[in-house]
Amino acid sequence: MNVRPFRVQDFTAIDLQPHQANARELVTPWYLELLKDAGPAITIEESGAVLLCAGIGYVPPQPPTFWSFVSADAGRQALGVIRALRRFLDAAPYRAIVSTAAGGFAPSCRALALLGFRESTRLEAHGPDGEDHVLFIRGVY
């Protein structure tokens, strides 16, 4: 497993998990540049295939926010991916980090819990299609 800095073109190389497939329509190269420049970001690869792109965007006054795009094949390497992400998050220079997950998508909520996030509150109509999300926090506010 290879962990390296995120590049914008990594997003076009990733075979997104079905739950994130709509990101192809919503995420522009301009937005990816913003994510890359807003804080630390990594790509995790296995045998040349992009498994995950993730980072922590920090644009004050908003809190540092963990984001990720996950490959449909990442589950096969789940343990290694989770370990690499924990190391990445542990090294981050922030006291606390937030993230959201679609409220009805249990795998994302479980993954955030494995990464050390705790559920904080439900965000009504927070997603791009009006779906509820759950806010998670890692660290102390």
N, C-alpha and C. Protein backbone atom coordinates (compact mmCIF):
# COMPACT_ATOMS: atom_id res chain seq x y z
N MET A 1 0.85 -1.18 0.00
CA MET A 1 0.00 0.00 0.00
C MET A 1 0.89 1.23 0.00
N ASN A 2 0.58 2.16 -0.87
CA ASN A 2 1.37 3.38 -1.02
C ASN A 2 0.52 4.58 -0.60
N VAL A 3 1.07 5.41 0.28
CA VAL A 3 0.42 6.65 0.71
C VAL A 3 1.28 7.80 0.20
N ARG A 4 0.65 8.71 -0.54
CA ARG A 4 1.39 9.83 -1.12
C ARG A 4 0.52 11.07 -1.12
N PRO A 5 1.09 12.24 -1.41
CA PRO A 5 0.28 13.46 -1.47
C PRO A 5 -0.82 13.36 -2.55
N PHE A 6 -1.96 13.93 -2.24
CA PHE A 6 -3.09 13.96 -3.16
C PHE A 6 -2.80 14.85 -4.35
N ARG A 7 -3.19 14.39 -5.55
CA ARG A 7 -3.14 15.18 -6.77
C ARG A 7 -4.55 15.24 -7.34
N VAL A 8 -4.91 16.34 -7.94
CA VAL A 8 -6.26 16.53 -8.48
C VAL A 8 -6.63 15.40 -9.43
N GLN A 9 -5.70 14.94 -10.26
CA GLN A 9 -6.01 13.89 -11.22
C GLN A 9 -6.32 12.55 -10.56
N ASP A 10 -6.00 12.39 -9.28
CA ASP A 10 -6.34 11.15 -8.56
C ASP A 10 -7.85 10.94 -8.53
N PHE A 11 -8.60 12.03 -8.48
CA PHE A 11 -10.06 11.91 -8.42
C PHE A 11 -10.60 11.28 -9.70
N THR A 12 -10.02 11.61 -10.84
CA THR A 12 -10.50 11.01 -12.09
C THR A 12 -10.08 9.55 -12.20
N ALA A 13 -9.04 9.15 -11.47
CA ALA A 13 -8.54 7.77 -11.53
C ALA A 13 -9.28 6.83 -10.59
N ILE A 14 -10.00 7.37 -9.62
CA ILE A 14 -10.63 6.51 -8.62
C ILE A 14 -11.96 5.96 -9.13
N ASP A 15 -12.18 4.67 -8.90
CA ASP A 15 -13.46 4.02 -9.21
C ASP A 15 -14.32 4.17 -7.96
N LEU A 16 -15.10 5.24 -7.90
CA LEU A 16 -15.83 5.59 -6.68
C LEU A 16 -16.80 4.50 -6.24
N GLN A 17 -16.93 4.36 -4.92
CA GLN A 17 -17.95 3.46 -4.38
C GLN A 17 -19.32 3.97 -4.84
N PRO A 18 -20.29 3.07 -5.01
CA PRO A 18 -21.60 3.48 -5.52
C PRO A 18 -22.24 4.62 -4.72
N HIS A 19 -22.04 4.63 -3.41
CA HIS A 19 -22.68 5.66 -2.59
C HIS A 19 -22.15 7.07 -2.89
N GLN A 20 -20.95 7.16 -3.47
CA GLN A 20 -20.38 8.47 -3.80
C GLN A 20 -20.38 8.76 -5.30
N ALA A 21 -21.02 7.92 -6.09
CA ALA A 21 -20.99 8.06 -7.55
C ALA A 21 -21.46 9.43 -8.02
N ASN A 22 -22.41 10.06 -7.31
CA ASN A 22 -22.89 11.38 -7.72
C ASN A 22 -21.83 12.46 -7.58
N ALA A 23 -20.74 12.17 -6.89
CA ALA A 23 -19.66 13.15 -6.74
C ALA A 23 -19.05 13.51 -8.09
N ARG A 24 -19.10 12.61 -9.05
CA ARG A 24 -18.57 12.90 -10.38
C ARG A 24 -19.27 14.11 -11.01
N GLU A 25 -20.55 14.28 -10.72
CA GLU A 25 -21.32 15.40 -11.25
C GLU A 25 -21.10 16.68 -10.46
N LEU A 26 -20.80 16.55 -9.17
CA LEU A 26 -20.75 17.69 -8.27
C LEU A 26 -19.35 18.28 -8.08
N VAL A 27 -18.33 17.45 -8.18
CA VAL A 27 -16.97 17.87 -7.84
C VAL A 27 -16.24 18.31 -9.11
N THR A 28 -15.83 19.57 -9.12
CA THR A 28 -15.14 20.14 -10.27
C THR A 28 -13.63 20.18 -10.02
N PRO A 29 -12.83 20.32 -11.08
CA PRO A 29 -11.38 20.48 -10.88
C PRO A 29 -11.05 21.68 -9.98
N TRP A 30 -11.80 22.75 -10.12
CA TRP A 30 -11.59 23.93 -9.28
C TRP A 30 -11.78 23.57 -7.80
N TYR A 31 -12.85 22.82 -7.49
CA TYR A 31 -13.12 22.42 -6.11
C TYR A 31 -12.03 21.48 -5.59
N LEU A 32 -11.56 20.58 -6.43
CA LEU A 32 -10.49 19.67 -6.03
C LEU A 32 -9.21 20.45 -5.71
N GLU A 33 -8.93 21.49 -6.47
CA GLU A 33 -7.76 22.34 -6.17
C GLU A 33 -7.93 23.01 -4.81
N LEU A 34 -9.16 23.46 -4.52
CA LEU A 34 -9.43 24.06 -3.20
C LEU A 34 -9.17 23.05 -2.09
N LEU A 35 -9.66 21.82 -2.27
CA LEU A 35 -9.44 20.79 -1.25
C LEU A 35 -7.94 20.54 -1.05
N LYS A 36 -7.22 20.42 -2.15
CA LYS A 36 -5.78 20.15 -2.08
C LYS A 36 -5.04 21.26 -1.36
N ASP A 37 -5.46 22.50 -1.59
CA ASP A 37 -4.75 23.64 -1.02
C ASP A 37 -5.23 24.03 0.38
N ALA A 38 -6.36 23.47 0.83
CA ALA A 38 -6.94 23.88 2.11
C ALA A 38 -6.37 23.13 3.31
N GLY A 39 -5.47 22.21 3.10
CA GLY A 39 -4.90 21.47 4.21
C GLY A 39 -4.25 20.19 3.72
N PRO A 40 -3.72 19.39 4.63
CA PRO A 40 -3.05 18.16 4.21
C PRO A 40 -4.03 17.22 3.50
N ALA A 41 -3.53 16.55 2.46
CA ALA A 41 -4.37 15.62 1.70
C ALA A 41 -3.50 14.50 1.15
N ILE A 42 -4.06 13.29 1.14
CA ILE A 42 -3.32 12.12 0.69
C ILE A 42 -4.13 11.28 -0.29
N THR A 43 -3.41 10.45 -1.00
CA THR A 43 -4.00 9.41 -1.84
C THR A 43 -3.40 8.08 -1.37
N ILE A 44 -4.24 7.07 -1.26
CA ILE A 44 -3.79 5.73 -0.91
C ILE A 44 -3.99 4.85 -2.14
N GLU A 45 -2.92 4.17 -2.56
CA GLU A 45 -2.95 3.31 -3.74
C GLU A 45 -2.53 1.90 -3.36
N GLU A 46 -2.99 0.97 -4.17
CA GLU A 46 -2.53 -0.42 -4.06
C GLU A 46 -2.36 -0.93 -5.49
N SER A 47 -1.15 -1.38 -5.82
CA SER A 47 -0.84 -1.90 -7.15
C SER A 47 -1.25 -0.92 -8.25
N GLY A 48 -1.04 0.37 -8.02
CA GLY A 48 -1.33 1.39 -9.00
C GLY A 48 -2.77 1.87 -9.05
N ALA A 49 -3.67 1.19 -8.33
CA ALA A 49 -5.08 1.60 -8.31
C ALA A 49 -5.33 2.52 -7.12
N VAL A 50 -6.03 3.62 -7.36
CA VAL A 50 -6.36 4.57 -6.29
C VAL A 50 -7.50 3.99 -5.46
N LEU A 51 -7.23 3.78 -4.17
CA LEU A 51 -8.24 3.25 -3.24
C LEU A 51 -8.99 4.36 -2.54
N LEU A 52 -8.31 5.47 -2.28
CA LEU A 52 -8.92 6.52 -1.48
C LEU A 52 -8.16 7.83 -1.66
N CYS A 53 -8.89 8.92 -1.70
CA CYS A 53 -8.32 10.26 -1.63
C CYS A 53 -8.95 10.90 -0.41
N ALA A 54 -8.14 11.52 0.44
CA ALA A 54 -8.67 12.09 1.68
C ALA A 54 -7.83 13.28 2.11
N GLY A 55 -8.43 14.12 2.92
CA GLY A 55 -7.70 15.26 3.43
C GLY A 55 -8.44 15.96 4.54
N ILE A 56 -7.84 17.02 5.00
CA ILE A 56 -8.43 17.86 6.04
C ILE A 56 -8.42 19.29 5.52
N GLY A 57 -9.59 19.79 5.21
CA GLY A 57 -9.70 21.16 4.74
C GLY A 57 -9.89 22.10 5.91
N TYR A 58 -9.11 23.18 5.92
CA TYR A 58 -9.25 24.14 7.00
C TYR A 58 -9.31 25.54 6.40
N VAL A 59 -10.49 26.13 6.47
CA VAL A 59 -10.72 27.49 5.99
C VAL A 59 -11.45 28.23 7.10
N PRO A 60 -10.68 28.93 7.97
CA PRO A 60 -11.33 29.64 9.08
C PRO A 60 -12.40 30.60 8.57
N PRO A 61 -13.47 30.76 9.29
CA PRO A 61 -13.70 30.34 10.67
C PRO A 61 -14.28 28.94 10.82
N GLN A 62 -14.42 28.20 9.73
CA GLN A 62 -14.95 26.84 9.82
C GLN A 62 -13.91 25.93 10.49
N PRO A 63 -14.35 24.87 11.15
CA PRO A 63 -13.39 23.95 11.79
C PRO A 63 -12.69 23.10 10.73
N PRO A 64 -11.53 22.54 11.04
CA PRO A 64 -10.87 21.61 10.13
C PRO A 64 -11.84 20.45 9.84
N THR A 65 -11.99 20.13 8.56
CA THR A 65 -12.99 19.15 8.14
C THR A 65 -12.35 18.03 7.33
N PHE A 66 -12.54 16.80 7.80
CA PHE A 66 -12.04 15.62 7.10
C PHE A 66 -12.96 15.29 5.93
N TRP A 67 -12.38 15.04 4.77
CA TRP A 67 -13.13 14.65 3.57
C TRP A 67 -12.49 13.42 2.97
N SER A 68 -13.26 12.65 2.22
CA SER A 68 -12.69 11.49 1.53
C SER A 68 -13.55 11.07 0.35
N PHE A 69 -12.87 10.52 -0.65
CA PHE A 69 -13.50 9.86 -1.78
C PHE A 69 -12.97 8.43 -1.76
N VAL A 70 -13.87 7.47 -1.74
CA VAL A 70 -13.51 6.08 -1.48
C VAL A 70 -13.80 5.22 -2.71
N SER A 71 -12.85 4.37 -3.05
CA SER A 71 -13.00 3.47 -4.18
C SER A 71 -13.93 2.31 -3.83
N ALA A 72 -14.57 1.77 -4.84
CA ALA A 72 -15.40 0.58 -4.67
C ALA A 72 -14.56 -0.60 -4.20
N ASP A 73 -13.26 -0.59 -4.46
CA ASP A 73 -12.37 -1.69 -4.05
C ASP A 73 -11.68 -1.46 -2.71
N ALA A 74 -11.91 -0.35 -2.06
CA ALA A 74 -11.21 -0.05 -0.81
C ALA A 74 -11.53 -1.06 0.30
N GLY A 75 -12.73 -1.61 0.28
CA GLY A 75 -13.13 -2.56 1.32
C GLY A 75 -12.22 -3.77 1.40
N ARG A 76 -11.65 -4.17 0.28
CA ARG A 76 -10.75 -5.34 0.28
C ARG A 76 -9.46 -5.05 1.03
N GLN A 77 -9.14 -3.78 1.16
CA GLN A 77 -7.93 -3.36 1.86
C GLN A 77 -8.28 -2.53 3.09
N ALA A 78 -9.46 -2.76 3.65
CA ALA A 78 -10.00 -1.90 4.71
C ALA A 78 -9.05 -1.71 5.89
N LEU A 79 -8.46 -2.78 6.38
CA LEU A 79 -7.59 -2.66 7.55
C LEU A 79 -6.40 -1.75 7.26
N GLY A 80 -5.75 -1.94 6.13
CA GLY A 80 -4.61 -1.10 5.77
C GLY A 80 -5.01 0.34 5.53
N VAL A 81 -6.15 0.55 4.90
CA VAL A 81 -6.64 1.90 4.63
C VAL A 81 -6.96 2.62 5.95
N ILE A 82 -7.66 1.94 6.86
CA ILE A 82 -8.00 2.54 8.16
C ILE A 82 -6.73 2.88 8.93
N ARG A 83 -5.76 1.99 8.94
CA ARG A 83 -4.51 2.26 9.66
C ARG A 83 -3.78 3.47 9.07
N ALA A 84 -3.72 3.53 7.74
CA ALA A 84 -3.05 4.68 7.10
C ALA A 84 -3.78 5.98 7.40
N LEU A 85 -5.10 5.94 7.37
CA LEU A 85 -5.88 7.15 7.68
C LEU A 85 -5.72 7.57 9.14
N ARG A 86 -5.67 6.61 10.06
CA ARG A 86 -5.46 6.96 11.48
C ARG A 86 -4.10 7.65 11.66
N ARG A 87 -3.07 7.14 11.00
CA ARG A 87 -1.74 7.78 11.08
C ARG A 87 -1.81 9.20 10.53
N PHE A 88 -2.49 9.35 9.40
CA PHE A 88 -2.65 10.67 8.78
C PHE A 88 -3.37 11.63 9.74
N LEU A 89 -4.48 11.19 10.31
CA LEU A 89 -5.26 12.04 11.23
C LEU A 89 -4.49 12.32 12.52
N ASP A 90 -3.78 11.32 13.03
CA ASP A 90 -2.99 11.51 14.26
C ASP A 90 -1.89 12.56 14.07
N ALA A 91 -1.36 12.66 12.86
CA ALA A 91 -0.28 13.60 12.58
C ALA A 91 -0.79 15.01 12.28
N ALA A 92 -2.09 15.17 12.13
CA ALA A 92 -2.65 16.48 11.77
C ALA A 92 -2.45 17.48 12.91
N PRO A 93 -2.16 18.73 12.57
CA PRO A 93 -1.86 19.74 13.59
C PRO A 93 -3.09 20.43 14.17
N TYR A 94 -4.20 19.70 14.27
CA TYR A 94 -5.44 20.31 14.74
C TYR A 94 -5.90 19.65 16.03
N ARG A 95 -6.44 20.45 16.92
CA ARG A 95 -6.96 19.95 18.20
C ARG A 95 -8.21 19.12 18.00
N ALA A 96 -9.01 19.50 17.01
CA ALA A 96 -10.24 18.78 16.71
C ALA A 96 -10.51 18.85 15.21
N ILE A 97 -11.14 17.81 14.70
CA ILE A 97 -11.49 17.71 13.28
C ILE A 97 -12.93 17.25 13.21
N VAL A 98 -13.71 17.80 12.28
CA VAL A 98 -15.08 17.36 12.09
C VAL A 98 -15.21 16.64 10.75
N SER A 99 -16.28 15.89 10.62
CA SER A 99 -16.61 15.25 9.35
C SER A 99 -18.10 14.96 9.36
N THR A 100 -18.67 14.74 8.19
CA THR A 100 -20.07 14.35 8.12
C THR A 100 -20.18 13.06 7.31
N ALA A 101 -21.27 12.35 7.55
CA ALA A 101 -21.59 11.14 6.78
C ALA A 101 -23.09 11.14 6.55
N ALA A 102 -23.49 10.62 5.40
CA ALA A 102 -24.92 10.48 5.14
C ALA A 102 -25.52 9.62 6.25
N GLY A 103 -26.57 10.12 6.87
CA GLY A 103 -27.15 9.46 8.04
C GLY A 103 -27.62 8.05 7.80
N GLY A 104 -28.04 7.75 6.59
CA GLY A 104 -28.54 6.42 6.30
C GLY A 104 -27.49 5.47 5.76
N PHE A 105 -26.22 5.90 5.71
CA PHE A 105 -25.18 5.06 5.15
C PHE A 105 -24.26 4.57 6.26
N ALA A 106 -24.62 3.44 6.85
CA ALA A 106 -23.90 2.90 8.01
C ALA A 106 -22.41 2.66 7.77
N PRO A 107 -21.96 2.20 6.59
CA PRO A 107 -20.52 1.99 6.41
C PRO A 107 -19.68 3.25 6.64
N SER A 108 -20.16 4.40 6.21
CA SER A 108 -19.40 5.65 6.45
C SER A 108 -19.37 5.99 7.93
N CYS A 109 -20.49 5.82 8.59
CA CYS A 109 -20.55 6.10 10.04
C CYS A 109 -19.61 5.17 10.80
N ARG A 110 -19.58 3.88 10.42
CA ARG A 110 -18.68 2.92 11.07
C ARG A 110 -17.22 3.29 10.81
N ALA A 111 -16.91 3.66 9.56
CA ALA A 111 -15.53 4.01 9.23
C ALA A 111 -15.06 5.22 10.03
N LEU A 112 -15.91 6.23 10.16
CA LEU A 112 -15.53 7.40 10.95
C LEU A 112 -15.31 7.01 12.42
N ALA A 113 -16.12 6.12 12.94
CA ALA A 113 -15.91 5.65 14.33
C ALA A 113 -14.57 4.93 14.45
N LEU A 114 -14.22 4.11 13.47
CA LEU A 114 -12.93 3.41 13.49
C LEU A 114 -11.76 4.38 13.40
N LEU A 115 -11.99 5.54 12.82
CA LEU A 115 -10.95 6.57 12.70
C LEU A 115 -10.87 7.46 13.94
N GLY A 116 -11.68 7.18 14.94
CA GLY A 116 -11.61 7.94 16.18
C GLY A 116 -12.59 9.09 16.28
N PHE A 117 -13.52 9.19 15.35
CA PHE A 117 -14.56 10.23 15.40
C PHE A 117 -15.71 9.73 16.28
N ARG A 118 -16.39 10.66 16.92
CA ARG A 118 -17.59 10.31 17.69
C ARG A 118 -18.77 11.10 17.13
N GLU A 119 -19.92 10.47 17.15
CA GLU A 119 -21.13 11.11 16.63
C GLU A 119 -21.50 12.29 17.51
N SER A 120 -21.85 13.40 16.86
CA SER A 120 -22.19 14.60 17.60
C SER A 120 -23.67 14.97 17.45
N THR A 121 -24.12 15.18 16.22
CA THR A 121 -25.50 15.63 16.02
C THR A 121 -25.96 15.29 14.61
N ARG A 122 -27.26 15.29 14.43
CA ARG A 122 -27.85 15.06 13.10
C ARG A 122 -28.03 16.41 12.41
N LEU A 123 -27.68 16.45 11.13
CA LEU A 123 -27.82 17.66 10.32
C LEU A 123 -28.93 17.41 9.31
N GLU A 124 -30.06 18.05 9.52
CA GLU A 124 -31.21 17.82 8.65
C GLU A 124 -30.99 18.46 7.28
N ALA A 125 -31.35 17.71 6.23
CA ALA A 125 -31.30 18.17 4.84
C ALA A 125 -29.93 18.76 4.48
N HIS A 126 -28.87 18.13 4.93
CA HIS A 126 -27.50 18.64 4.75
C HIS A 126 -26.87 18.22 3.43
N GLY A 127 -27.28 17.09 2.87
CA GLY A 127 -26.65 16.56 1.67
C GLY A 127 -27.13 17.23 0.40
N PRO A 128 -26.46 16.95 -0.71
CA PRO A 128 -26.80 17.59 -1.98
C PRO A 128 -28.20 17.25 -2.48
N ASP A 129 -28.75 16.13 -2.04
CA ASP A 129 -30.11 15.74 -2.44
C ASP A 129 -31.11 15.95 -1.29
N GLY A 130 -30.71 16.74 -0.29
CA GLY A 130 -31.59 17.02 0.84
C GLY A 130 -31.61 15.94 1.90
N GLU A 131 -30.71 14.97 1.81
CA GLU A 131 -30.68 13.91 2.81
C GLU A 131 -30.02 14.39 4.10
N ASP A 132 -30.42 13.77 5.19
CA ASP A 132 -29.81 14.09 6.48
C ASP A 132 -28.40 13.53 6.54
N HIS A 133 -27.55 14.22 7.27
CA HIS A 133 -26.19 13.76 7.54
C HIS A 133 -25.99 13.72 9.05
N VAL A 134 -24.91 13.08 9.45
CA VAL A 134 -24.52 13.04 10.86
C VAL A 134 -23.18 13.75 10.98
N LEU A 135 -23.07 14.65 11.96
CA LEU A 135 -21.82 15.34 12.22
C LEU A 135 -21.00 14.51 13.21
N PHE A 136 -19.73 14.30 12.88
CA PHE A 136 -18.81 13.57 13.75
C PHE A 136 -17.67 14.51 14.16
N ILE A 137 -17.12 14.28 15.34
CA ILE A 137 -16.00 15.08 15.84
C ILE A 137 -14.90 14.15 16.31
N ARG A 138 -13.67 14.50 15.98
CA ARG A 138 -12.48 13.76 16.47
C ARG A 138 -11.64 14.78 17.22
N GLY A 139 -11.37 14.49 18.47
CA GLY A 139 -10.62 15.42 19.30
C GLY A 139 -11.56 16.18 20.23
N VAL A 140 -11.09 17.33 20.69
CA VAL A 140 -11.83 18.08 21.69
C VAL A 140 -12.13 19.49 21.21
N TYR A 141 -13.39 19.89 21.37
CA TYR A 141 -13.78 21.28 21.11
C TYR A 141 -14.10 21.93 22.42
